[in-house]
Amino acid sequence: MKDLSCISDTDLVHTLKSLIASERDVICEVICYLREVDTRRLYLELGYSSLFMFVTKGLGYSESAGYRRIQAARCVAETPEVLAQLRTGGLTLCAVVELFKVSQNKRADVVAQSVGKSKEAVREIVAREVPSVSKPREKVVVTAAPVTPMFEGASESESKGEELYTVTLTLTADEYRLLQEVQGICSNGMDPPPW
């Protein structure tokens, strides 16, 4: 670890700002490369069932970091001006993920409204354009009801004393696609993402 204690305050802040600009450049390059891997579906040739699996298992990103980069790569593929805003800091990676929820034909206008805004502010803008995208949820309500056997005799799980429940969820199309991706990951014997 570099000893920074002898660097002047001015140099410390100047170098930090320079590093942040470099970091944005690197993230933009990663997104461009991921976009190309996605376009070529190269992850399949490498033995991964999805780009998500390649990014998390092959490249070592956490599930949430990988998800954000994939969504950003797909957003940039459809709306290239997003990349320039990401590079300059006009948009954050989290904001780009929110913007990807907007239909491609409306996205350029929403991007213009979102520049310089926080993720929460961008989420509000997106929610106005895409009614199915809710504002941040305070609470997720899940209803569950005990399963009543429809046949004589107990099932294997009931004989072990376990109660079975039916769970009903209402999801947006994006949430449903995410659920399908998580189910695919779980069916491969891997832990689900933490989001």
Protein backbone atom coordinates (compact mmCIF):
# COMPACT_ATOMS: atom_id res chain seq x y z
CA MET A 1 0.00 0.00 0.00
CA LYS A 2 1.33 3.39 -1.00
CA ASP A 3 2.11 5.82 1.84
CA LEU A 4 0.04 8.93 1.09
CA SER A 5 0.76 10.78 4.33
CA CYS A 6 3.52 12.93 2.81
CA ILE A 7 1.45 14.13 -0.19
CA SER A 8 0.12 17.69 0.07
CA ASP A 9 -3.62 18.21 0.39
CA THR A 10 -3.77 19.83 -3.05
CA ASP A 11 -1.90 16.97 -4.73
CA LEU A 12 -3.96 14.37 -2.88
CA VAL A 13 -7.26 15.82 -4.10
CA HIS A 14 -5.92 16.44 -7.62
CA THR A 15 -4.66 12.85 -7.92
CA LEU A 16 -7.90 11.46 -6.50
CA LYS A 17 -9.95 13.36 -9.12
CA SER A 18 -7.63 12.07 -11.83
CA LEU A 19 -8.05 8.50 -10.58
CA ILE A 20 -11.83 8.86 -10.58
CA ALA A 21 -11.76 10.03 -14.20
CA SER A 22 -9.55 7.03 -15.06
CA GLU A 23 -11.91 4.73 -13.19
CA ARG A 24 -14.86 5.99 -15.27
CA ASP A 25 -12.86 5.41 -18.45
CA VAL A 26 -12.09 1.83 -17.38
CA ILE A 27 -15.74 1.13 -16.50
CA CYS A 28 -16.78 2.44 -19.91
CA GLU A 29 -14.22 0.18 -21.60
CA VAL A 30 -15.46 -2.82 -19.59
CA ILE A 31 -19.03 -2.01 -20.65
CA CYS A 32 -17.99 -1.80 -24.32
CA TYR A 33 -16.23 -5.16 -24.10
CA LEU A 34 -19.20 -6.76 -22.35
CA ARG A 35 -21.49 -5.37 -25.02
CA GLU A 36 -19.38 -7.06 -27.69
CA VAL A 37 -19.21 -10.36 -25.77
CA ASP A 38 -23.01 -10.19 -25.46
CA THR A 39 -23.47 -9.38 -29.16
CA ARG A 40 -21.26 -12.32 -30.18
CA ARG A 41 -22.78 -14.55 -27.46
CA LEU A 42 -19.19 -15.50 -26.78
CA TYR A 43 -20.05 -16.66 -23.26
CA LEU A 44 -21.75 -19.73 -24.79
CA GLU A 45 -18.54 -20.75 -26.58
CA LEU A 46 -16.72 -20.35 -23.27
CA GLY A 47 -19.13 -22.78 -21.60
CA TYR A 48 -21.37 -20.34 -19.70
CA SER A 49 -25.16 -20.52 -19.96
CA SER A 50 -25.60 -16.74 -19.83
CA LEU A 51 -23.69 -13.50 -19.87
CA PHE A 52 -24.52 -13.18 -16.17
CA MET A 53 -22.81 -16.50 -15.42
CA PHE A 54 -19.76 -15.46 -17.46
CA VAL A 55 -19.50 -12.11 -15.66
CA THR A 56 -19.90 -13.58 -12.17
CA LYS A 57 -18.17 -16.95 -12.46
CA GLY A 58 -15.78 -16.25 -15.32
CA LEU A 59 -14.79 -12.68 -14.52
CA GLY A 60 -15.31 -12.74 -10.75
CA TYR A 61 -17.76 -9.86 -10.36
CA SER A 62 -20.26 -10.01 -7.50
CA GLU A 63 -23.81 -10.68 -8.63
CA SER A 64 -24.96 -7.10 -8.15
CA ALA A 65 -21.87 -5.54 -9.78
CA GLY A 66 -22.14 -7.95 -12.70
CA TYR A 67 -25.85 -7.26 -13.14
CA ARG A 68 -25.26 -3.48 -13.27
CA ARG A 69 -22.53 -3.83 -15.88
CA ILE A 70 -24.61 -6.14 -18.06
CA GLN A 71 -27.62 -3.81 -17.93
CA ALA A 72 -25.35 -0.85 -18.74
CA ALA A 73 -23.80 -2.72 -21.68
CA ARG A 74 -27.25 -3.49 -23.08
CA CYS A 75 -28.42 0.08 -22.51
CA VAL A 76 -25.34 1.44 -24.30
CA ALA A 77 -25.91 -0.96 -27.21
CA GLU A 78 -29.35 0.59 -27.73
CA THR A 79 -28.57 4.18 -26.67
CA PRO A 80 -24.89 5.01 -27.35
CA GLU A 81 -25.09 8.54 -25.86
CA VAL A 82 -25.40 6.94 -22.43
CA LEU A 83 -21.72 5.94 -22.63
CA ALA A 84 -20.54 9.53 -22.99
CA GLN A 85 -22.59 10.59 -19.96
CA LEU A 86 -21.23 7.67 -17.95
CA ARG A 87 -17.66 8.59 -18.93
CA THR A 88 -18.04 12.21 -17.81
CA GLY A 89 -19.91 11.36 -14.61
CA GLY A 90 -23.19 12.85 -15.86
CA LEU A 91 -24.77 9.46 -15.18
CA THR A 92 -23.83 6.85 -12.63
CA LEU A 93 -23.82 3.13 -13.34
CA CYS A 94 -26.88 2.68 -11.09
CA ALA A 95 -28.72 5.46 -12.96
CA VAL A 96 -27.98 3.74 -16.29
CA VAL A 97 -29.54 0.53 -14.96
CA GLU A 98 -32.70 2.51 -14.15
CA LEU A 99 -32.69 4.16 -17.59
CA PHE A 100 -32.56 0.77 -19.31
CA LYS A 101 -36.13 0.19 -18.07
CA VAL A 102 -37.39 2.94 -20.41
CA SER A 103 -38.34 1.92 -23.94
CA GLN A 104 -35.64 2.63 -26.48
CA ASN A 105 -37.71 5.20 -28.40
CA LYS A 106 -38.21 7.32 -25.23
CA ARG A 107 -34.82 6.76 -23.63
CA ALA A 108 -32.89 9.66 -25.24
CA ASP A 109 -35.33 12.20 -23.73
CA VAL A 110 -35.19 10.51 -20.34
CA VAL A 111 -31.38 10.42 -20.47
CA ALA A 112 -31.34 14.18 -21.09
CA GLN A 113 -33.61 14.72 -18.05
CA SER A 114 -31.45 12.42 -15.90
CA VAL A 115 -27.99 13.89 -16.41
CA GLY A 116 -26.47 14.98 -13.11
CA LYS A 117 -29.25 13.43 -11.04
CA SER A 118 -28.98 10.87 -8.25
CA LYS A 119 -30.14 7.29 -8.72
CA GLU A 120 -33.29 8.04 -6.71
CA ALA A 121 -34.09 11.10 -8.85
CA VAL A 122 -33.53 9.05 -12.02
CA ARG A 123 -35.81 6.35 -10.62
CA GLU A 124 -38.54 8.98 -10.16
CA ILE A 125 -38.10 10.18 -13.75
CA VAL A 126 -38.21 6.60 -15.05
CA ALA A 127 -41.34 5.86 -12.98
CA ARG A 128 -43.14 8.73 -14.75
CA GLU A 129 -42.24 7.27 -18.15
CA VAL A 130 -42.77 3.61 -17.32
CA PRO A 131 -45.77 3.22 -15.00
CA SER A 132 -44.96 -0.43 -14.30
CA VAL A 133 -41.64 0.68 -12.79
CA SER A 134 -42.58 1.57 -9.28
CA LYS A 135 -40.84 4.02 -7.08
CA PRO A 136 -38.57 2.37 -4.52
CA ARG A 137 -40.72 0.01 -2.53
CA GLU A 138 -40.93 0.55 1.16
CA LYS A 139 -42.30 -2.94 1.68
CA VAL A 140 -42.78 -6.04 -0.44
CA VAL A 141 -45.93 -7.92 0.48
CA VAL A 142 -45.96 -11.64 -0.15
CA THR A 143 -49.07 -13.65 0.57
CA ALA A 144 -48.75 -17.26 1.62
CA ALA A 145 -51.39 -19.88 2.30
CA PRO A 146 -51.01 -23.43 3.58
CA VAL A 147 -51.35 -26.06 0.86
CA THR A 148 -54.25 -28.45 1.36
CA PRO A 149 -53.50 -31.94 -0.01
CA MET A 150 -55.75 -32.80 -2.92
CA PHE A 151 -55.44 -36.55 -2.43
CA GLU A 152 -55.63 -39.16 0.29
CA GLY A 153 -52.41 -39.77 2.21
CA ALA A 154 -49.62 -37.43 3.14
CA SER A 155 -46.84 -36.30 0.84
CA GLU A 156 -43.21 -37.02 1.71
CA SER A 157 -42.67 -33.53 3.12
CA GLU A 158 -45.88 -33.68 5.17
CA SER A 159 -44.83 -37.00 6.69
CA LYS A 160 -41.69 -35.22 7.94
CA GLY A 161 -43.85 -32.63 9.67
CA GLU A 162 -43.08 -29.80 7.21
CA GLU A 163 -45.86 -27.38 6.28
CA LEU A 164 -46.22 -26.48 2.61
CA TYR A 165 -47.30 -23.04 1.40
CA THR A 166 -48.40 -21.52 -1.89
CA VAL A 167 -46.84 -18.10 -2.48
CA THR A 168 -48.31 -15.56 -4.92
CA LEU A 169 -46.29 -12.62 -6.26
CA THR A 170 -47.16 -9.84 -8.67
CA LEU A 171 -44.14 -8.86 -10.78
CA THR A 172 -43.35 -6.44 -13.57
CA ALA A 173 -41.98 -7.88 -16.81
CA ASP A 174 -38.43 -6.89 -15.78
CA GLU A 175 -38.85 -8.46 -12.35
CA TYR A 176 -40.20 -11.64 -13.95
CA ARG A 177 -37.19 -11.86 -16.31
CA LEU A 178 -34.90 -11.38 -13.31
CA LEU A 179 -36.77 -14.14 -11.42
CA GLN A 180 -36.29 -16.46 -14.40
CA GLU A 181 -32.57 -15.69 -14.45
CA VAL A 182 -32.31 -16.42 -10.72
CA GLN A 183 -34.23 -19.67 -11.18
CA GLY A 184 -31.78 -20.65 -13.93
CA ILE A 185 -28.86 -19.95 -11.64
CA CYS A 186 -30.43 -21.94 -8.79
CA SER A 187 -31.21 -24.88 -11.07
CA ASN A 188 -27.48 -25.05 -11.83
CA GLY A 189 -26.81 -25.56 -8.12
CA MET A 190 -25.48 -22.07 -7.50
CA ASP A 191 -26.50 -19.55 -4.87
CA PRO A 192 -28.98 -16.88 -6.03
CA PRO A 193 -27.90 -13.25 -6.39
CA PRO A 194 -28.38 -11.11 -3.24
CA TRP A 195 -30.78 -8.57 -4.74
